Amino acid sequence: MSKTSGYDAFWMPFTANRDFKANPRIINRAEGMYLYSDDKRQLLDATAGLWCVNAGHGRKEIGEAMSRQVAELDYTSPFNFGHDIGFEFAERLVQFTPKGLDKVFFTNSGSEAVETALKIALAYQQARGKKGKFKLIGRELGYHGVNFGGISVGGLTTNRKGFGPLLPVDHLDHTLDVTNNAFSKGLPENGVEKAEQLERLIKFHGSDSIAAVIVEPVAGAGGVIMPPKGYLRRLRDICDQHDILLIFDEVITGWGRLGANFAAEAFDVLPDLMTSAKGITSGVVPLGAVFAKDEIYNTINDAAADGSVEFFHGYTCSGHPVACAAGLATLDIYEKEGLLTRGSGDIGTYWQEALHSLKELPGIVDIRNYGLIGAVQFAQQDNGKPIGFDILKKCYAKGVMVRSMENTIALSPPLIIEKQHIDQIVSTLSEVARDIW
C-alpha cells in the first residue's frame, strides 16, 4: 500500500493504534523466513507471524491448491450439505491427532475453536443427564481467544476487564515461578504441586457443578510458560477422578511447535477435547478445529431425536472448501519436509543452547524454551513501565520481528528455521539488551 493511501480507516487489533499510526511498521511481502517492509528492509520473522506460519512464508503449493479449489468449488453451505474436500481434510487431520481424538468440528479461528470446545463440553454434560455441570475452570495468564467464553476462562486481566459479566468460571493459579525455575531448559522441575489447586477448586464448587477444565499446555500470550514436569498428567488424573472433561487449547502448541504434532503427544497426556488453528493452514487462510473423543460425539448425537440437529452450533464458513484445500497442502508440506518433529531434533537443541547463551546478559531474569518456542524475560524497570514493547521496536529497527508481552519477548519462528537464523535472533537480542542496560 502506498503511504498516501492513509491509515485512518483500519481499526487495528491488539495494537496501540495511535502509536502505530504515528510511525507505521508496514509489511508488504514475505518469503521463507523473511518479511519485507515498505521501506525495502528485510526482517527475520522470529514469531512465525502470530505463532502460525509454521511452514514458512510464500509457500506456492498452498496458494496453488487454493486457486484450484476456487475454480472447482468456491463455497457451499456446510449446514445440511457437504463437500468432498471437507471430509477428505477431516480424515487426513485425524491421522495426525493423538489416538482417541477422532472427530473434527471445523471453525474459522482459535477463538471460535475455544468457544466451540466449551459448548461441546456443556452439551456433552447435558446430553448425559448432568445438567448441573455447567461451570468451567481456566487458569491465570491463560489465553483462549477473544470471544466471551474464551475471555471468561482466560486469565489475562486486560482481555477481561471492561466487558461486563462473564461466564461462571474459576481459575487455577498460573505456573510461572521465576524464583525456583529460572533458566530451565525444557520443562521446569518445580511446580507439579500447583495442580493440586484443582482439587481445592473442585471441593469448593463441587464436582457435580464443573463441566470442564481448559488449559494451554504451554501458556503463550501469558508469557510462554512451560508446564512443570508432571503437572498436566496430574490435571488429567484429577479430572478423571471427578468426572470432569479436560480441554487442551493447542492453537499455539499444535503442528510442530514443540517438536511433535501436538503437545498432547509431546507430554503424553490425552485430553478429551483439543483445539487447533494457526499452523493448521500455516496461517495462509483462517481455519480452526476442535478434535473430540468418539464418546463425546456419540453421546451428544445419541441424545437427539432421529432426524433432528444434534448440536446447534456452527459457522457460515465451517470447513470452507478453499481453507480445506490450504490445509491439505499444508499437511503435505509438513510430511514431505519432516517439519513437525524438527523441534525435537538437532535444530531444537541448537535453539535451546543459543537462547540460554543470553543468560549472563544484563537485564535478563529468565529464559524459557521447549521445541521451537522460547521466551526471554527482562527485569522490571524502576519506573514500573513494561519494557517489552520498547525491545520489540528496537529489534524491528535491527531487522528482527519479535513478539512482546509485558517484560517478556516471545519467540516462535517458522519450523524451517536454520542455525544462521537462530544466530541472528540471538545476536539481535544481545545487542538490544546491551543497548538498554
Foldseek 3Di string as FASTA:
>chain_A
DDPVVDDPPDPDPPDPVVVCRVPPFAWDDFFFQWTATPVGFTFGEQCLVPLFLQQGPDDVLLVVLLVVLCVVPQFDFPVVDDDDLLVVLLCVVQVADPPQLRGKWKDFAQLVLLVVVLLLLQLLCVLVPLNLANEEEAAALAARDQDQVRLVRYRDVVSNPPPPDGDHYYYQYDQDDLPQFFAPEAAGADDLCSLCVVVVVCVVVPLSRHRAYEGACFGDLSFRHHHHQPNLVSNLVVCVVSVHFYEYEFQNQAQQLQLGRGVCVVNVNDGQKYKYWRHLLSNPGGMIMMGHGPVSVCSQVVSDDPPDDSRPDDDRCGSRVSSSSSNVSSVVSCVVVVLNRLLVDDQVVLLSVLQSVCVPFPQWSHWYDGRQKIKTFGDQDPVRFFCFVVLQVQSVVVRYHWDGHRRMTIGRGHSVDDNVSSVSVSVSSRVSSVVVD
